[in-house]
């Protein structure tokens, strides 16, 4: 499992992120505060507080390609 933080600043960011996540077979969870949603669910993402960084948990061993694709959203 790989964990990192992202920021989704606009509706287009959310749409692009969901499109990327849906390319992969493994599960990806987003955590904001005490809420956890499926990263493949656009409605779930919109239920989170998008003004703060969101924790991403990718549930797979080989997530390098996924991380390369979502790199523009990653924050330290």
C-alpha atoms as a PDB file:
ATOM      1  CA  UNK A   1       0.000   0.000   0.000  1.00  0.00           C
ATOM      2  CA  UNK A   2       1.245   3.496  -0.862  1.00  0.00           C
ATOM      3  CA  UNK A   3       0.057   6.666   0.899  1.00  0.00           C
ATOM      4  CA  UNK A   4       0.451  10.308  -0.158  1.00  0.00           C
ATOM      5  CA  UNK A   5      -1.498  13.599  -0.130  1.00  0.00           C
ATOM      6  CA  UNK A   6      -3.192  15.395  -3.015  1.00  0.00           C
ATOM      7  CA  UNK A   7      -5.027  18.664  -3.620  1.00  0.00           C
ATOM      8  CA  UNK A   8      -7.971  18.869  -6.010  1.00  0.00           C
ATOM      9  CA  UNK A   9      -8.493  22.580  -6.661  1.00  0.00           C
ATOM     10  CA  UNK A  10     -11.243  22.518  -9.293  1.00  0.00           C
ATOM     11  CA  UNK A  11     -14.062  20.449 -10.745  1.00  0.00           C
ATOM     12  CA  UNK A  12     -11.791  19.573 -13.669  1.00  0.00           C
ATOM     13  CA  UNK A  13      -9.095  18.353 -11.258  1.00  0.00           C
ATOM     14  CA  UNK A  14     -11.628  16.002  -9.639  1.00  0.00           C
ATOM     15  CA  UNK A  15     -12.829  14.743 -13.031  1.00  0.00           C
ATOM     16  CA  UNK A  16      -9.267  14.190 -14.296  1.00  0.00           C
ATOM     17  CA  UNK A  17      -8.246  12.429 -11.068  1.00  0.00           C
ATOM     18  CA  UNK A  18     -11.261  10.071 -11.175  1.00  0.00           C
ATOM     19  CA  UNK A  19     -10.546   9.252 -14.839  1.00  0.00           C
ATOM     20  CA  UNK A  20      -6.949   8.334 -13.945  1.00  0.00           C
ATOM     21  CA  UNK A  21      -7.958   6.200 -10.926  1.00  0.00           C
ATOM     22  CA  UNK A  22     -10.540   4.294 -12.973  1.00  0.00           C
ATOM     23  CA  UNK A  23      -7.798   3.041 -15.331  1.00  0.00           C
ATOM     24  CA  UNK A  24      -6.362   0.877 -12.535  1.00  0.00           C
ATOM     25  CA  UNK A  25      -7.705  -2.402 -11.133  1.00  0.00           C
ATOM     26  CA  UNK A  26      -6.594  -1.853  -7.535  1.00  0.00           C
ATOM     27  CA  UNK A  27      -8.593  -0.002  -4.867  1.00  0.00           C
ATOM     28  CA  UNK A  28      -7.792   3.605  -4.020  1.00  0.00           C
ATOM     29  CA  UNK A  29      -9.265   5.285  -0.927  1.00  0.00           C
ATOM     30  CA  UNK A  30      -9.360   9.001  -0.120  1.00  0.00           C
ATOM     31  CA  UNK A  31      -9.377  10.151   3.510  1.00  0.00           C
ATOM     32  CA  UNK A  32     -10.341  13.618   4.699  1.00  0.00           C
ATOM     33  CA  UNK A  33     -10.808  14.006   8.436  1.00  0.00           C
ATOM     34  CA  UNK A  34     -12.906  11.040   9.545  1.00  0.00           C
ATOM     35  CA  UNK A  35     -14.411  10.402   6.105  1.00  0.00           C
ATOM     36  CA  UNK A  36     -13.109   7.717   3.745  1.00  0.00           C
ATOM     37  CA  UNK A  37     -14.432   7.455   0.180  1.00  0.00           C
ATOM     38  CA  UNK A  38     -13.665   5.384  -2.911  1.00  0.00           C
ATOM     39  CA  UNK A  39     -11.409   7.439  -5.220  1.00  0.00           C
ATOM     40  CA  UNK A  40     -13.302   6.023  -8.222  1.00  0.00           C
ATOM     41  CA  UNK A  41     -16.499   7.776  -7.056  1.00  0.00           C
ATOM     42  CA  UNK A  42     -16.810  11.357  -8.279  1.00  0.00           C
ATOM     43  CA  UNK A  43     -19.778  11.938  -5.956  1.00  0.00           C
ATOM     44  CA  UNK A  44     -17.796  10.561  -3.013  1.00  0.00           C
ATOM     45  CA  UNK A  45     -14.939  12.972  -3.703  1.00  0.00           C
ATOM     46  CA  UNK A  46     -17.315  15.943  -3.836  1.00  0.00           C
ATOM     47  CA  UNK A  47     -18.535  14.994  -0.338  1.00  0.00           C
ATOM     48  CA  UNK A  48     -15.027  15.712   1.039  1.00  0.00           C
ATOM     49  CA  UNK A  49     -13.545  19.043   2.130  1.00  0.00           C
ATOM     50  CA  UNK A  50     -11.564  19.925  -1.017  1.00  0.00           C
ATOM     51  CA  UNK A  51     -10.016  23.035   0.573  1.00  0.00           C
ATOM     52  CA  UNK A  52      -7.533  20.811   2.471  1.00  0.00           C
ATOM     53  CA  UNK A  53      -5.078  18.126   1.330  1.00  0.00           C
ATOM     54  CA  UNK A  54      -6.650  14.684   0.941  1.00  0.00           C
ATOM     55  CA  UNK A  55      -4.829  11.489   1.903  1.00  0.00           C
ATOM     56  CA  UNK A  56      -4.636   8.867  -0.851  1.00  0.00           C
ATOM     57  CA  UNK A  57      -4.186   5.164  -0.074  1.00  0.00           C
ATOM     58  CA  UNK A  58      -3.444   3.007  -3.120  1.00  0.00           C
ATOM     59  CA  UNK A  59      -3.940  -0.665  -2.217  1.00  0.00           C
ATOM     60  CA  UNK A  60      -1.383  -2.364  -4.470  1.00  0.00           C
ATOM     61  CA  UNK A  61       2.296  -3.208  -4.508  1.00  0.00           C
ATOM     62  CA  UNK A  62       3.144  -1.707  -7.901  1.00  0.00           C
ATOM     63  CA  UNK A  63       1.687   1.807  -8.028  1.00  0.00           C
ATOM     64  CA  UNK A  64       4.545   3.636  -9.786  1.00  0.00           C
ATOM     65  CA  UNK A  65       2.607   4.206 -13.033  1.00  0.00           C
ATOM     66  CA  UNK A  66      -0.380   5.459 -11.046  1.00  0.00           C
ATOM     67  CA  UNK A  67       1.791   7.883  -9.059  1.00  0.00           C
ATOM     68  CA  UNK A  68       3.362   9.223 -12.265  1.00  0.00           C
ATOM     69  CA  UNK A  69      -0.099   9.979 -13.655  1.00  0.00           C
ATOM     70  CA  UNK A  70      -1.380  11.728 -10.509  1.00  0.00           C
ATOM     71  CA  UNK A  71       1.892  13.595  -9.834  1.00  0.00           C
ATOM     72  CA  UNK A  72       0.361  17.019 -10.769  1.00  0.00           C
ATOM     73  CA  UNK A  73      -2.086  16.653  -7.833  1.00  0.00           C
ATOM     74  CA  UNK A  74       0.449  15.481  -5.206  1.00  0.00           C
ATOM     75  CA  UNK A  75       1.403  17.874  -2.404  1.00  0.00           C
ATOM     76  CA  UNK A  76       4.083  17.430   0.257  1.00  0.00           C
END
